[in-house]
Amino acid sequence: MKKPEIAKLFADPEAPGKGRMTSCISGWTCYTINLVKHKVYGFG
């Protein structure tokens, strides 16, 4: 991730080298919003 302060918000306690983000069903508006966030936040 580009910003460490954002990365720590998504830290996965079960896998320290990875992050965790809950999304929703493809086709729902929230899915599109999460895709945009994924790109803007710099998630790989």
PDB file of N, CA and C in Angstrom:
ATOM      1  N   MET A   1       0.833  -1.182   0.000  1.00  0.00           N
ATOM      2  CA  MET A   1       0.000   0.000   0.000  1.00  0.00           C
ATOM      3  C   MET A   1       0.872   1.237   0.000  1.00  0.00           C
ATOM      4  N   LYS A   2       0.318   2.301  -0.503  1.00  0.00           N
ATOM      5  CA  LYS A   2       1.056   3.557  -0.605  1.00  0.00           C
ATOM      6  C   LYS A   2       1.163   4.272   0.738  1.00  0.00           C
ATOM      7  N   LYS A   3       0.128   4.141   1.575  1.00  0.00           N
ATOM      8  CA  LYS A   3       0.091   4.880   2.832  1.00  0.00           C
ATOM      9  C   LYS A   3       0.035   3.911   4.017  1.00  0.00           C
ATOM     10  N   PRO A   4       1.102   3.827   4.800  1.00  0.00           N
ATOM     11  CA  PRO A   4       1.129   2.907   5.936  1.00  0.00           C
ATOM     12  C   PRO A   4       0.033   3.180   6.961  1.00  0.00           C
ATOM     13  N   GLU A   5      -0.350   4.440   7.113  1.00  0.00           N
ATOM     14  CA  GLU A   5      -1.395   4.768   8.094  1.00  0.00           C
ATOM     15  C   GLU A   5      -2.746   4.191   7.685  1.00  0.00           C
ATOM     16  N   ILE A   6      -2.961   4.020   6.393  1.00  0.00           N
ATOM     17  CA  ILE A   6      -4.183   3.376   5.898  1.00  0.00           C
ATOM     18  C   ILE A   6      -4.036   1.860   5.999  1.00  0.00           C
ATOM     19  N   ALA A   7      -2.863   1.346   5.661  1.00  0.00           N
ATOM     20  CA  ALA A   7      -2.619  -0.102   5.683  1.00  0.00           C
ATOM     21  C   ALA A   7      -2.902  -0.691   7.058  1.00  0.00           C
ATOM     22  N   LYS A   8      -2.523   0.001   8.119  1.00  0.00           N
ATOM     23  CA  LYS A   8      -2.737  -0.556   9.455  1.00  0.00           C
ATOM     24  C   LYS A   8      -4.222  -0.655   9.809  1.00  0.00           C
ATOM     25  N   LEU A   9      -5.070   0.112   9.151  1.00  0.00           N
ATOM     26  CA  LEU A   9      -6.510   0.020   9.398  1.00  0.00           C
ATOM     27  C   LEU A   9      -7.096  -1.292   8.884  1.00  0.00           C
ATOM     28  N   PHE A  10      -6.401  -1.907   7.923  1.00  0.00           N
ATOM     29  CA  PHE A  10      -6.881  -3.133   7.304  1.00  0.00           C
ATOM     30  C   PHE A  10      -6.040  -4.346   7.699  1.00  0.00           C
ATOM     31  N   ALA A  11      -5.236  -4.222   8.747  1.00  0.00           N
ATOM     32  CA  ALA A  11      -4.351  -5.311   9.163  1.00  0.00           C
ATOM     33  C   ALA A  11      -5.151  -6.559   9.525  1.00  0.00           C
ATOM     34  N   ASP A  12      -4.629  -7.713   9.126  1.00  0.00           N
ATOM     35  CA  ASP A  12      -5.250  -8.999   9.430  1.00  0.00           C
ATOM     36  C   ASP A  12      -4.447  -9.652  10.546  1.00  0.00           C
ATOM     37  N   PRO A  13      -5.017  -9.769  11.762  1.00  0.00           N
ATOM     38  CA  PRO A  13      -4.267 -10.333  12.882  1.00  0.00           C
ATOM     39  C   PRO A  13      -3.864 -11.795  12.655  1.00  0.00           C
ATOM     40  N   GLU A  14      -4.583 -12.502  11.800  1.00  0.00           N
ATOM     41  CA  GLU A  14      -4.266 -13.905  11.530  1.00  0.00           C
ATOM     42  C   GLU A  14      -3.163 -14.052  10.483  1.00  0.00           C
ATOM     43  N   ALA A  15      -2.934 -13.032   9.676  1.00  0.00           N
ATOM     44  CA  ALA A  15      -1.895 -13.051   8.643  1.00  0.00           C
ATOM     45  C   ALA A  15      -1.263 -11.664   8.585  1.00  0.00           C
ATOM     46  N   PRO A  16      -0.275 -11.398   9.454  1.00  0.00           N
ATOM     47  CA  PRO A  16       0.304 -10.057   9.574  1.00  0.00           C
ATOM     48  C   PRO A  16       0.795  -9.419   8.276  1.00  0.00           C
ATOM     49  N   GLY A  17       1.189 -10.193   7.296  1.00  0.00           N
ATOM     50  CA  GLY A  17       1.680  -9.633   6.046  1.00  0.00           C
ATOM     51  C   GLY A  17       0.582  -9.305   5.057  1.00  0.00           C
ATOM     52  N   LYS A  18      -0.663  -9.556   5.458  1.00  0.00           N
ATOM     53  CA  LYS A  18      -1.793  -9.325   4.557  1.00  0.00           C
ATOM     54  C   LYS A  18      -2.810  -8.408   5.217  1.00  0.00           C
ATOM     55  N   GLY A  19      -3.737  -7.934   4.421  1.00  0.00           N
ATOM     56  CA  GLY A  19      -4.814  -7.107   4.946  1.00  0.00           C
ATOM     57  C   GLY A  19      -6.153  -7.786   4.739  1.00  0.00           C
ATOM     58  N   ARG A  20      -7.180  -7.198   5.318  1.00  0.00           N
ATOM     59  CA  ARG A  20      -8.513  -7.776   5.211  1.00  0.00           C
ATOM     60  C   ARG A  20      -9.509  -6.668   4.884  1.00  0.00           C
ATOM     61  N   MET A  21     -10.339  -6.908   3.907  1.00  0.00           N
ATOM     62  CA  MET A  21     -11.373  -5.948   3.518  1.00  0.00           C
ATOM     63  C   MET A  21     -12.628  -6.716   3.133  1.00  0.00           C
ATOM     64  N   THR A  22     -13.763  -6.336   3.686  1.00  0.00           N
ATOM     65  CA  THR A  22     -15.029  -6.974   3.364  1.00  0.00           C
ATOM     66  C   THR A  22     -15.662  -6.236   2.199  1.00  0.00           C
ATOM     67  N   SER A  23     -16.108  -6.971   1.221  1.00  0.00           N
ATOM     68  CA  SER A  23     -16.743  -6.375   0.055  1.00  0.00           C
ATOM     69  C   SER A  23     -18.192  -6.853  -0.005  1.00  0.00           C
ATOM     70  N   CYS A  24     -18.786  -6.793  -1.161  1.00  0.00           N
ATOM     71  CA  CYS A  24     -20.158  -7.251  -1.319  1.00  0.00           C
ATOM     72  C   CYS A  24     -20.345  -7.888  -2.691  1.00  0.00           C
ATOM     73  N   ILE A  25     -21.540  -8.298  -2.974  1.00  0.00           N
ATOM     74  CA  ILE A  25     -21.850  -9.047  -4.186  1.00  0.00           C
ATOM     75  C   ILE A  25     -21.618  -8.204  -5.442  1.00  0.00           C
ATOM     76  N   SER A  26     -20.978  -8.844  -6.433  1.00  0.00           N
ATOM     77  CA  SER A  26     -20.742  -8.189  -7.715  1.00  0.00           C
ATOM     78  C   SER A  26     -22.074  -7.734  -8.305  1.00  0.00           C
ATOM     79  N   GLY A  27     -22.099  -6.507  -8.800  1.00  0.00           N
ATOM     80  CA  GLY A  27     -23.329  -5.960  -9.364  1.00  0.00           C
ATOM     81  C   GLY A  27     -24.022  -4.979  -8.429  1.00  0.00           C
ATOM     82  N   TRP A  28     -23.714  -5.052  -7.148  1.00  0.00           N
ATOM     83  CA  TRP A  28     -24.278  -4.095  -6.204  1.00  0.00           C
ATOM     84  C   TRP A  28     -23.453  -2.812  -6.261  1.00  0.00           C
ATOM     85  N   THR A  29     -24.054  -1.691  -5.932  1.00  0.00           N
ATOM     86  CA  THR A  29     -23.356  -0.407  -5.953  1.00  0.00           C
ATOM     87  C   THR A  29     -22.155  -0.413  -5.017  1.00  0.00           C
ATOM     88  N   CYS A  30     -22.291  -1.023  -3.852  1.00  0.00           N
ATOM     89  CA  CYS A  30     -21.173  -1.048  -2.901  1.00  0.00           C
ATOM     90  C   CYS A  30     -19.962  -1.779  -3.475  1.00  0.00           C
ATOM     91  N   TYR A  31     -20.181  -2.730  -4.358  1.00  0.00           N
ATOM     92  CA  TYR A  31     -19.072  -3.443  -5.002  1.00  0.00           C
ATOM     93  C   TYR A  31     -18.242  -2.467  -5.842  1.00  0.00           C
ATOM     94  N   THR A  32     -18.920  -1.638  -6.611  1.00  0.00           N
ATOM     95  CA  THR A  32     -18.236  -0.644  -7.442  1.00  0.00           C
ATOM     96  C   THR A  32     -17.487   0.359  -6.569  1.00  0.00           C
ATOM     97  N   ILE A  33     -18.108   0.793  -5.503  1.00  0.00           N
ATOM     98  CA  ILE A  33     -17.468   1.737  -4.583  1.00  0.00           C
ATOM     99  C   ILE A  33     -16.202   1.120  -3.994  1.00  0.00           C
ATOM    100  N   ASN A  34     -16.273  -0.145  -3.595  1.00  0.00           N
ATOM    101  CA  ASN A  34     -15.102  -0.810  -3.030  1.00  0.00           C
ATOM    102  C   ASN A  34     -13.994  -0.983  -4.061  1.00  0.00           C
ATOM    103  N   LEU A  35     -14.339  -1.216  -5.317  1.00  0.00           N
ATOM    104  CA  LEU A  35     -13.322  -1.302  -6.369  1.00  0.00           C
ATOM    105  C   LEU A  35     -12.580   0.026  -6.520  1.00  0.00           C
ATOM    106  N   VAL A  36     -13.318   1.121  -6.461  1.00  0.00           N
ATOM    107  CA  VAL A  36     -12.702   2.451  -6.560  1.00  0.00           C
ATOM    108  C   VAL A  36     -11.791   2.686  -5.355  1.00  0.00           C
ATOM    109  N   LYS A  37     -12.269   2.346  -4.160  1.00  0.00           N
ATOM    110  CA  LYS A  37     -11.444   2.503  -2.959  1.00  0.00           C
ATOM    111  C   LYS A  37     -10.168   1.668  -3.075  1.00  0.00           C
ATOM    112  N   HIS A  38     -10.303   0.470  -3.581  1.00  0.00           N
ATOM    113  CA  HIS A  38      -9.163  -0.427  -3.757  1.00  0.00           C
ATOM    114  C   HIS A  38      -8.088   0.238  -4.611  1.00  0.00           C
ATOM    115  N   LYS A  39      -8.507   0.878  -5.678  1.00  0.00           N
ATOM    116  CA  LYS A  39      -7.565   1.555  -6.585  1.00  0.00           C
ATOM    117  C   LYS A  39      -6.982   2.817  -5.934  1.00  0.00           C
ATOM    118  N   VAL A  40      -7.834   3.642  -5.322  1.00  0.00           N
ATOM    119  CA  VAL A  40      -7.400   4.911  -4.733  1.00  0.00           C
ATOM    120  C   VAL A  40      -6.463   4.690  -3.546  1.00  0.00           C
ATOM    121  N   TYR A  41      -6.758   3.689  -2.706  1.00  0.00           N
ATOM    122  CA  TYR A  41      -5.929   3.427  -1.528  1.00  0.00           C
ATOM    123  C   TYR A  41      -4.618   2.737  -1.884  1.00  0.00           C
ATOM    124  N   GLY A  42      -4.505   2.270  -3.122  1.00  0.00           N
ATOM    125  CA  GLY A  42      -3.261   1.646  -3.546  1.00  0.00           C
ATOM    126  C   GLY A  42      -3.112   0.199  -3.115  1.00  0.00           C
ATOM    127  N   PHE A  43      -4.233  -0.496  -2.934  1.00  0.00           N
ATOM    128  CA  PHE A  43      -4.155  -1.925  -2.616  1.00  0.00           C
ATOM    129  C   PHE A  43      -3.618  -2.646  -3.832  1.00  0.00           C
ATOM    130  N   GLY A  44      -2.709  -3.589  -3.610  1.00  0.00           N
ATOM    131  CA  GLY A  44      -2.112  -4.309  -4.719  1.00  0.00           C
ATOM    132  C   GLY A  44      -3.053  -5.278  -5.281  1.00  0.00           C
TER     133      GLY A  44
END
